[in-house]
Amino acid sequence: VQLVESGGGSVEAGGSLRLSCIASGLFISTYCMAWFRQVPGKGREGVASFDEDGTITYADSVKGRFTLSKDNASKDNAKKILYLEMTNLQSEDSAMYYCAGVWGVCPMMGRGTWYPNWGQGTQVTV
């Protein structure tokens, strides 16, 4: 499985960005993906993930500003896309944002301990 993030950049406070993560090399539909972020010198933080029942969990700091969504990039389930729409960005949102994935049902987001697959990250600077 390969995860590739894109969409990061530099924006002013109050601005918006849309992050994308393409997961390829999949062969079944039950692959769960989530977004995490990390600032140098600090621990990794869960941003948004799908729960086992399909609902979405957001970090308290991003609720009402970030929106998680997904799409199938191919009909044969070989690729999936995960999006993170970020609005009203603030300086505290500056971080490297990572896409992570795991086969099967979606685990607890936490700090990403249950996610074995990770992308290289995309930098967001506010």
Protein backbone atom coordinates (compact mmCIF):
# COMPACT_ATOMS: atom_id res chain seq x y z
CA VAL A 1 0.00 0.00 0.00
CA GLN A 2 1.24 3.47 -0.88
CA LEU A 3 -0.17 6.66 0.62
CA VAL A 4 0.60 9.99 -1.04
CA GLU A 5 -0.53 13.29 0.44
CA SER A 6 -0.89 16.60 -1.36
CA GLY A 7 -2.49 20.00 -0.94
CA GLY A 8 -0.40 21.51 1.82
CA GLY A 9 1.01 25.01 1.63
CA SER A 10 1.25 28.40 3.29
CA VAL A 11 -1.87 30.41 3.99
CA GLU A 12 -2.80 33.39 6.12
CA ALA A 13 -4.85 32.98 9.25
CA GLY A 14 -8.48 32.50 8.31
CA GLY A 15 -7.60 30.86 5.04
CA SER A 16 -8.45 27.42 3.73
CA LEU A 17 -6.70 24.40 2.30
CA ARG A 18 -7.82 21.02 1.03
CA LEU A 19 -5.55 18.08 1.67
CA SER A 20 -5.78 14.91 -0.38
CA CYS A 21 -4.39 11.46 0.21
CA ILE A 22 -4.38 8.80 -2.47
CA ALA A 23 -4.06 5.22 -1.28
CA SER A 24 -2.99 2.79 -3.99
CA GLY A 25 -2.20 -0.88 -4.08
CA LEU A 26 -5.44 -1.83 -2.37
CA PHE A 27 -7.28 -5.01 -3.25
CA ILE A 28 -10.29 -4.94 -0.94
CA SER A 29 -12.66 -2.17 0.02
CA THR A 30 -12.20 -2.41 3.79
CA TYR A 31 -9.24 -0.09 4.17
CA CYS A 32 -9.55 2.65 6.77
CA MET A 33 -7.73 5.98 6.47
CA ALA A 34 -7.27 8.95 8.77
CA TRP A 35 -5.39 12.24 9.13
CA PHE A 36 -2.81 13.06 11.76
CA ARG A 37 -0.48 15.98 12.29
CA GLN A 38 2.76 16.63 14.07
CA VAL A 39 4.78 19.67 15.03
CA PRO A 40 8.54 19.23 15.55
CA GLY A 41 9.25 18.49 19.18
CA LYS A 42 5.67 17.49 19.94
CA GLY A 43 3.78 14.24 19.80
CA ARG A 44 1.62 13.19 16.90
CA GLU A 45 -2.02 14.24 17.11
CA GLY A 46 -5.06 12.63 15.57
CA VAL A 47 -6.98 15.14 13.44
CA ALA A 48 -9.87 13.24 11.87
CA SER A 49 -10.81 9.64 11.30
CA PHE A 50 -13.71 7.40 10.47
CA ASP A 51 -15.09 5.31 13.29
CA GLU A 52 -16.05 1.65 12.96
CA ASP A 53 -19.70 2.60 12.38
CA GLY A 54 -18.85 5.15 9.71
CA THR A 55 -19.20 8.23 11.86
CA ILE A 56 -16.33 10.70 12.00
CA THR A 57 -14.17 11.66 14.95
CA TYR A 58 -12.48 15.05 14.98
CA ALA A 59 -9.93 16.46 17.36
CA ASP A 60 -11.62 19.03 19.57
CA SER A 61 -9.33 21.74 18.24
CA VAL A 62 -10.59 21.31 14.66
CA LYS A 63 -14.28 20.63 15.15
CA GLY A 64 -16.43 22.93 13.07
CA ARG A 65 -13.47 23.95 10.90
CA PHE A 66 -12.20 20.73 9.32
CA THR A 67 -14.22 18.25 7.26
CA LEU A 68 -13.18 14.69 6.50
CA SER A 69 -14.44 12.90 3.41
CA LYS A 70 -13.47 10.02 1.17
CA ASP A 71 -13.99 8.71 -2.33
CA ASN A 72 -13.15 5.66 -4.35
CA ALA A 73 -10.67 6.58 -7.03
CA SER A 74 -11.24 3.38 -8.96
CA LYS A 75 -14.12 0.96 -9.35
CA ASP A 76 -11.99 -2.05 -8.47
CA ASN A 77 -11.12 -0.65 -5.02
CA ALA A 78 -7.44 -0.45 -6.01
CA LYS A 79 -7.33 3.22 -5.07
CA LYS A 80 -9.07 5.38 -2.50
CA ILE A 81 -8.87 9.09 -1.83
CA LEU A 82 -9.15 10.75 1.56
CA TYR A 83 -9.77 14.48 1.83
CA LEU A 84 -9.41 16.97 4.63
CA GLU A 85 -11.10 20.29 3.99
CA MET A 86 -9.61 22.84 6.37
CA THR A 87 -11.20 26.25 6.86
CA ASN A 88 -10.51 29.20 9.17
CA LEU A 89 -6.97 27.99 9.62
CA GLN A 90 -5.08 29.30 12.61
CA SER A 91 -1.41 29.41 13.50
CA GLU A 92 -1.85 26.44 15.82
CA ASP A 93 -2.87 24.35 12.81
CA SER A 94 0.63 24.66 11.37
CA ALA A 95 2.11 21.17 11.24
CA MET A 96 3.11 18.33 9.00
CA TYR A 97 -0.07 16.50 8.10
CA TYR A 98 0.07 12.76 7.56
CA CYS A 99 -2.35 10.33 6.02
CA ALA A 100 -2.45 6.89 7.62
CA GLY A 101 -4.21 3.66 6.82
CA VAL A 102 -5.02 0.23 8.16
CA TRP A 103 -6.74 -2.83 6.73
CA GLY A 104 -10.13 -3.72 8.08
CA VAL A 105 -12.40 -1.80 10.40
CA CYS A 106 -11.39 1.61 11.60
CA PRO A 107 -9.59 1.59 14.95
CA MET A 108 -9.53 4.27 17.60
CA MET A 109 -7.77 7.33 16.21
CA GLY A 110 -5.66 8.21 19.24
CA ARG A 111 -2.13 9.10 18.16
CA GLY A 112 -2.16 6.64 15.28
CA THR A 113 -0.76 3.62 17.10
CA TRP A 114 -3.16 1.28 15.30
CA TYR A 115 -2.32 2.59 11.83
CA PRO A 116 0.64 0.77 10.23
CA ASN A 117 0.69 2.53 6.86
CA TRP A 118 1.80 6.16 6.58
CA GLY A 119 2.42 8.71 3.87
CA GLN A 120 5.36 11.10 3.70
CA GLY A 121 3.33 14.07 4.87
CA THR A 122 2.39 17.48 3.52
CA GLN A 123 3.32 20.70 5.31
CA VAL A 124 0.70 23.23 6.33
CA THR A 125 1.92 26.64 7.48
CA VAL A 126 -0.44 29.32 8.75
